[in-house]
């Protein structure tokens, strides 16, 4: 069992290869963690903190 965005499994759902279960998903929170010495995109930290 997995929580996957619908757009990622649209074709398998349509073909019947995957089945949607009638469950209420839990509230999701996003956490980002990265090493300061590996920050390759300038401004990413500030944009993600919004």
PDB file of N, CA and C in Angstrom:
ATOM      1  N   UNK A   1       0.846  -1.153   0.000  1.00  0.00           N
ATOM      2  CA  UNK A   1       0.000   0.000   0.000  1.00  0.00           C
ATOM      3  C   UNK A   1       0.901   1.228   0.000  1.00  0.00           C
ATOM      4  N   UNK A   2       0.511   2.247  -0.772  1.00  0.00           N
ATOM      5  CA  UNK A   2       1.305   3.463  -0.843  1.00  0.00           C
ATOM      6  C   UNK A   2       0.398   4.646  -1.123  1.00  0.00           C
ATOM      7  N   UNK A   3       0.825   5.814  -0.677  1.00  0.00           N
ATOM      8  CA  UNK A   3       0.160   7.063  -1.040  1.00  0.00           C
ATOM      9  C   UNK A   3       0.939   7.657  -2.200  1.00  0.00           C
ATOM     10  N   UNK A   4       0.307   7.722  -3.359  1.00  0.00           N
ATOM     11  CA  UNK A   4       0.959   8.186  -4.576  1.00  0.00           C
ATOM     12  C   UNK A   4       0.061   9.217  -5.237  1.00  0.00           C
ATOM     13  N   UNK A   5       0.612  10.297  -5.774  1.00  0.00           N
ATOM     14  CA  UNK A   5      -0.235  11.273  -6.468  1.00  0.00           C
ATOM     15  C   UNK A   5      -0.960  10.632  -7.643  1.00  0.00           C
ATOM     16  N   UNK A   6      -2.206  11.006  -7.839  1.00  0.00           N
ATOM     17  CA  UNK A   6      -3.015  10.394  -8.893  1.00  0.00           C
ATOM     18  C   UNK A   6      -2.379  10.552 -10.271  1.00  0.00           C
ATOM     19  N   UNK A   7      -1.764  11.696 -10.554  1.00  0.00           N
ATOM     20  CA  UNK A   7      -1.167  11.899 -11.882  1.00  0.00           C
ATOM     21  C   UNK A   7      -0.065  10.880 -12.164  1.00  0.00           C
ATOM     22  N   UNK A   8       0.575  10.367 -11.112  1.00  0.00           N
ATOM     23  CA  UNK A   8       1.676   9.417 -11.296  1.00  0.00           C
ATOM     24  C   UNK A   8       1.184   8.011 -11.638  1.00  0.00           C
ATOM     25  N   UNK A   9      -0.083   7.724 -11.352  1.00  0.00           N
ATOM     26  CA  UNK A   9      -0.606   6.381 -11.590  1.00  0.00           C
ATOM     27  C   UNK A   9      -1.879   6.402 -12.439  1.00  0.00           C
ATOM     28  N   UNK A  10      -2.085   7.467 -13.170  1.00  0.00           N
ATOM     29  CA  UNK A  10      -3.300   7.630 -13.960  1.00  0.00           C
ATOM     30  C   UNK A  10      -3.522   6.473 -14.947  1.00  0.00           C
ATOM     31  N   UNK A  11      -2.500   6.113 -15.697  1.00  0.00           N
ATOM     32  CA  UNK A  11      -2.642   5.024 -16.683  1.00  0.00           C
ATOM     33  C   UNK A  11      -2.884   3.665 -16.022  1.00  0.00           C
ATOM     34  N   UNK A  12      -2.100   3.277 -14.993  1.00  0.00           N
ATOM     35  CA  UNK A  12      -2.374   1.993 -14.341  1.00  0.00           C
ATOM     36  C   UNK A  12      -3.760   1.938 -13.687  1.00  0.00           C
ATOM     37  N   UNK A  13      -4.254   3.064 -13.174  1.00  0.00           N
ATOM     38  CA  UNK A  13      -5.609   3.075 -12.622  1.00  0.00           C
ATOM     39  C   UNK A  13      -6.633   2.850 -13.732  1.00  0.00           C
ATOM     40  N   UNK A  14      -6.444   3.526 -14.863  1.00  0.00           N
ATOM     41  CA  UNK A  14      -7.377   3.404 -15.981  1.00  0.00           C
ATOM     42  C   UNK A  14      -7.397   1.980 -16.543  1.00  0.00           C
ATOM     43  N   UNK A  15      -6.241   1.329 -16.555  1.00  0.00           N
ATOM     44  CA  UNK A  15      -6.173  -0.026 -17.113  1.00  0.00           C
ATOM     45  C   UNK A  15      -6.615  -1.105 -16.121  1.00  0.00           C
ATOM     46  N   UNK A  16      -6.733  -0.738 -14.841  1.00  0.00           N
ATOM     47  CA  UNK A  16      -7.106  -1.717 -13.825  1.00  0.00           C
ATOM     48  C   UNK A  16      -5.919  -2.415 -13.182  1.00  0.00           C
ATOM     49  N   UNK A  17      -4.692  -2.049 -13.590  1.00  0.00           N
ATOM     50  CA  UNK A  17      -3.499  -2.651 -12.991  1.00  0.00           C
ATOM     51  C   UNK A  17      -3.351  -2.239 -11.521  1.00  0.00           C
ATOM     52  N   UNK A  18      -3.837  -1.034 -11.199  1.00  0.00           N
ATOM     53  CA  UNK A  18      -3.867  -0.563  -9.815  1.00  0.00           C
ATOM     54  C   UNK A  18      -5.308  -0.285  -9.437  1.00  0.00           C
ATOM     55  N   UNK A  19      -5.581  -0.395  -8.147  1.00  0.00           N
ATOM     56  CA  UNK A  19      -6.933  -0.157  -7.642  1.00  0.00           C
ATOM     57  C   UNK A  19      -6.871   0.890  -6.544  1.00  0.00           C
ATOM     58  N   UNK A  20      -7.767   1.863  -6.624  1.00  0.00           N
ATOM     59  CA  UNK A  20      -7.859   2.892  -5.584  1.00  0.00           C
ATOM     60  C   UNK A  20      -8.626   2.311  -4.398  1.00  0.00           C
ATOM     61  N   UNK A  21      -8.069   2.430  -3.209  1.00  0.00           N
ATOM     62  CA  UNK A  21      -8.741   1.958  -2.007  1.00  0.00           C
ATOM     63  C   UNK A  21      -9.560   3.105  -1.412  1.00  0.00           C
ATOM     64  N   UNK A  22     -10.715   2.792  -0.843  1.00  0.00           N
ATOM     65  CA  UNK A  22     -11.571   3.850  -0.289  1.00  0.00           C
ATOM     66  C   UNK A  22     -11.098   4.293   1.102  1.00  0.00           C
ATOM     67  N   UNK A  23      -9.928   4.864   1.166  1.00  0.00           N
ATOM     68  CA  UNK A  23      -9.345   5.329   2.423  1.00  0.00           C
ATOM     69  C   UNK A  23      -9.243   6.845   2.428  1.00  0.00           C
ATOM     70  N   UNK A  24      -9.313   7.414   3.606  1.00  0.00           N
ATOM     71  CA  UNK A  24      -9.097   8.853   3.752  1.00  0.00           C
ATOM     72  C   UNK A  24      -7.613   9.041   4.061  1.00  0.00           C
ATOM     73  N   UNK A  25      -6.880   9.744   3.191  1.00  0.00           N
ATOM     74  CA  UNK A  25      -5.445   9.912   3.446  1.00  0.00           C
ATOM     75  C   UNK A  25      -5.204  10.821   4.646  1.00  0.00           C
ATOM     76  N   UNK A  26      -4.133  10.570   5.373  1.00  0.00           N
ATOM     77  CA  UNK A  26      -3.797  11.435   6.510  1.00  0.00           C
ATOM     78  C   UNK A  26      -3.314  12.786   6.013  1.00  0.00           C
ATOM     79  N   UNK A  27      -3.374  13.805   6.860  1.00  0.00           N
ATOM     80  CA  UNK A  27      -2.808  15.090   6.451  1.00  0.00           C
ATOM     81  C   UNK A  27      -1.304  14.937   6.201  1.00  0.00           C
ATOM     82  N   UNK A  28      -0.821  15.517   5.135  1.00  0.00           N
ATOM     83  CA  UNK A  28       0.590  15.378   4.775  1.00  0.00           C
ATOM     84  C   UNK A  28       1.332  16.676   5.058  1.00  0.00           C
ATOM     85  N   UNK A  29       2.557  16.521   5.526  1.00  0.00           N
ATOM     86  CA  UNK A  29       3.427  17.679   5.756  1.00  0.00           C
ATOM     87  C   UNK A  29       4.729  17.422   5.011  1.00  0.00           C
ATOM     88  N   UNK A  30       5.276  18.471   4.473  1.00  0.00           N
ATOM     89  CA  UNK A  30       6.512  18.357   3.718  1.00  0.00           C
ATOM     90  C   UNK A  30       7.673  18.882   4.549  1.00  0.00           C
ATOM     91  N   UNK A  31       8.721  18.101   4.610  1.00  0.00           N
ATOM     92  CA  UNK A  31       9.953  18.519   5.289  1.00  0.00           C
ATOM     93  C   UNK A  31      11.090  18.378   4.292  1.00  0.00           C
ATOM     94  N   UNK A  32      11.920  19.388   4.210  1.00  0.00           N
ATOM     95  CA  UNK A  32      13.095  19.343   3.341  1.00  0.00           C
ATOM     96  C   UNK A  32      14.346  19.412   4.201  1.00  0.00           C
ATOM     97  N   UNK A  33      15.273  18.535   3.913  1.00  0.00           N
ATOM     98  CA  UNK A  33      16.542  18.506   4.641  1.00  0.00           C
ATOM     99  C   UNK A  33      17.648  18.360   3.609  1.00  0.00           C
ATOM    100  N   UNK A  34      18.673  19.197   3.716  1.00  0.00           N
ATOM    101  CA  UNK A  34      19.817  19.063   2.831  1.00  0.00           C
ATOM    102  C   UNK A  34      21.050  19.610   3.520  1.00  0.00           C
ATOM    103  N   UNK A  35      22.175  19.217   3.027  1.00  0.00           N
ATOM    104  CA  UNK A  35      23.445  19.670   3.578  1.00  0.00           C
ATOM    105  C   UNK A  35      23.749  21.069   3.056  1.00  0.00           C
ATOM    106  N   UNK A  36      24.153  21.947   3.947  1.00  0.00           N
ATOM    107  CA  UNK A  36      24.457  23.327   3.569  1.00  0.00           C
ATOM    108  C   UNK A  36      25.575  23.396   2.538  1.00  0.00           C
ATOM    109  N   UNK A  37      26.542  22.481   2.616  1.00  0.00           N
ATOM    110  CA  UNK A  37      27.652  22.512   1.667  1.00  0.00           C
ATOM    111  C   UNK A  37      27.285  21.910   0.309  1.00  0.00           C
ATOM    112  N   UNK A  38      26.053  21.416   0.160  1.00  0.00           N
ATOM    113  CA  UNK A  38      25.605  20.834  -1.110  1.00  0.00           C
ATOM    114  C   UNK A  38      24.476  21.635  -1.742  1.00  0.00           C
ATOM    115  N   UNK A  39      24.225  22.824  -1.279  1.00  0.00           N
ATOM    116  CA  UNK A  39      23.145  23.644  -1.816  1.00  0.00           C
ATOM    117  C   UNK A  39      23.562  24.171  -3.184  1.00  0.00           C
ATOM    118  N   UNK A  40      22.973  23.628  -4.233  1.00  0.00           N
ATOM    119  CA  UNK A  40      23.400  23.969  -5.587  1.00  0.00           C
ATOM    120  C   UNK A  40      22.480  24.962  -6.291  1.00  0.00           C
ATOM    121  N   UNK A  41      21.292  25.197  -5.741  1.00  0.00           N
ATOM    122  CA  UNK A  41      20.361  26.129  -6.375  1.00  0.00           C
ATOM    123  C   UNK A  41      20.242  27.359  -5.492  1.00  0.00           C
ATOM    124  N   UNK A  42      20.813  28.484  -5.904  1.00  0.00           N
ATOM    125  CA  UNK A  42      20.727  29.687  -5.105  1.00  0.00           C
ATOM    126  C   UNK A  42      19.268  30.100  -4.882  1.00  0.00           C
ATOM    127  N   UNK A  43      18.928  30.414  -3.631  1.00  0.00           N
ATOM    128  CA  UNK A  43      17.586  30.870  -3.316  1.00  0.00           C
ATOM    129  C   UNK A  43      16.589  29.764  -2.991  1.00  0.00           C
ATOM    130  N   UNK A  44      16.979  28.506  -3.154  1.00  0.00           N
ATOM    131  CA  UNK A  44      16.056  27.400  -2.908  1.00  0.00           C
ATOM    132  C   UNK A  44      15.599  27.376  -1.453  1.00  0.00           C
ATOM    133  N   UNK A  45      16.504  27.568  -0.555  1.00  0.00           N
ATOM    134  CA  UNK A  45      16.162  27.545   0.874  1.00  0.00           C
ATOM    135  C   UNK A  45      15.118  28.609   1.199  1.00  0.00           C
ATOM    136  N   UNK A  46      15.285  29.799   0.668  1.00  0.00           N
ATOM    137  CA  UNK A  46      14.333  30.882   0.936  1.00  0.00           C
ATOM    138  C   UNK A  46      12.970  30.586   0.297  1.00  0.00           C
ATOM    139  N   UNK A  47      12.967  30.037  -0.894  1.00  0.00           N
ATOM    140  CA  UNK A  47      11.705  29.731  -1.582  1.00  0.00           C
ATOM    141  C   UNK A  47      10.968  28.600  -0.871  1.00  0.00           C
ATOM    142  N   UNK A  48      11.687  27.626  -0.333  1.00  0.00           N
ATOM    143  CA  UNK A  48      11.063  26.488   0.317  1.00  0.00           C
ATOM    144  C   UNK A  48      10.519  26.849   1.702  1.00  0.00           C
ATOM    145  N   UNK A  49      11.005  27.920   2.273  1.00  0.00           N
ATOM    146  CA  UNK A  49      10.590  28.312   3.640  1.00  0.00           C
ATOM    147  C   UNK A  49       9.275  29.056   3.661  1.00  0.00           C
ATOM    148  N   UNK A  50       8.673  29.268   2.516  1.00  0.00           N
ATOM    149  CA  UNK A  50       7.410  30.038   2.467  1.00  0.00           C
ATOM    150  C   UNK A  50       6.281  29.242   3.052  1.00  0.00           C
TER     151      UNK A  50
END
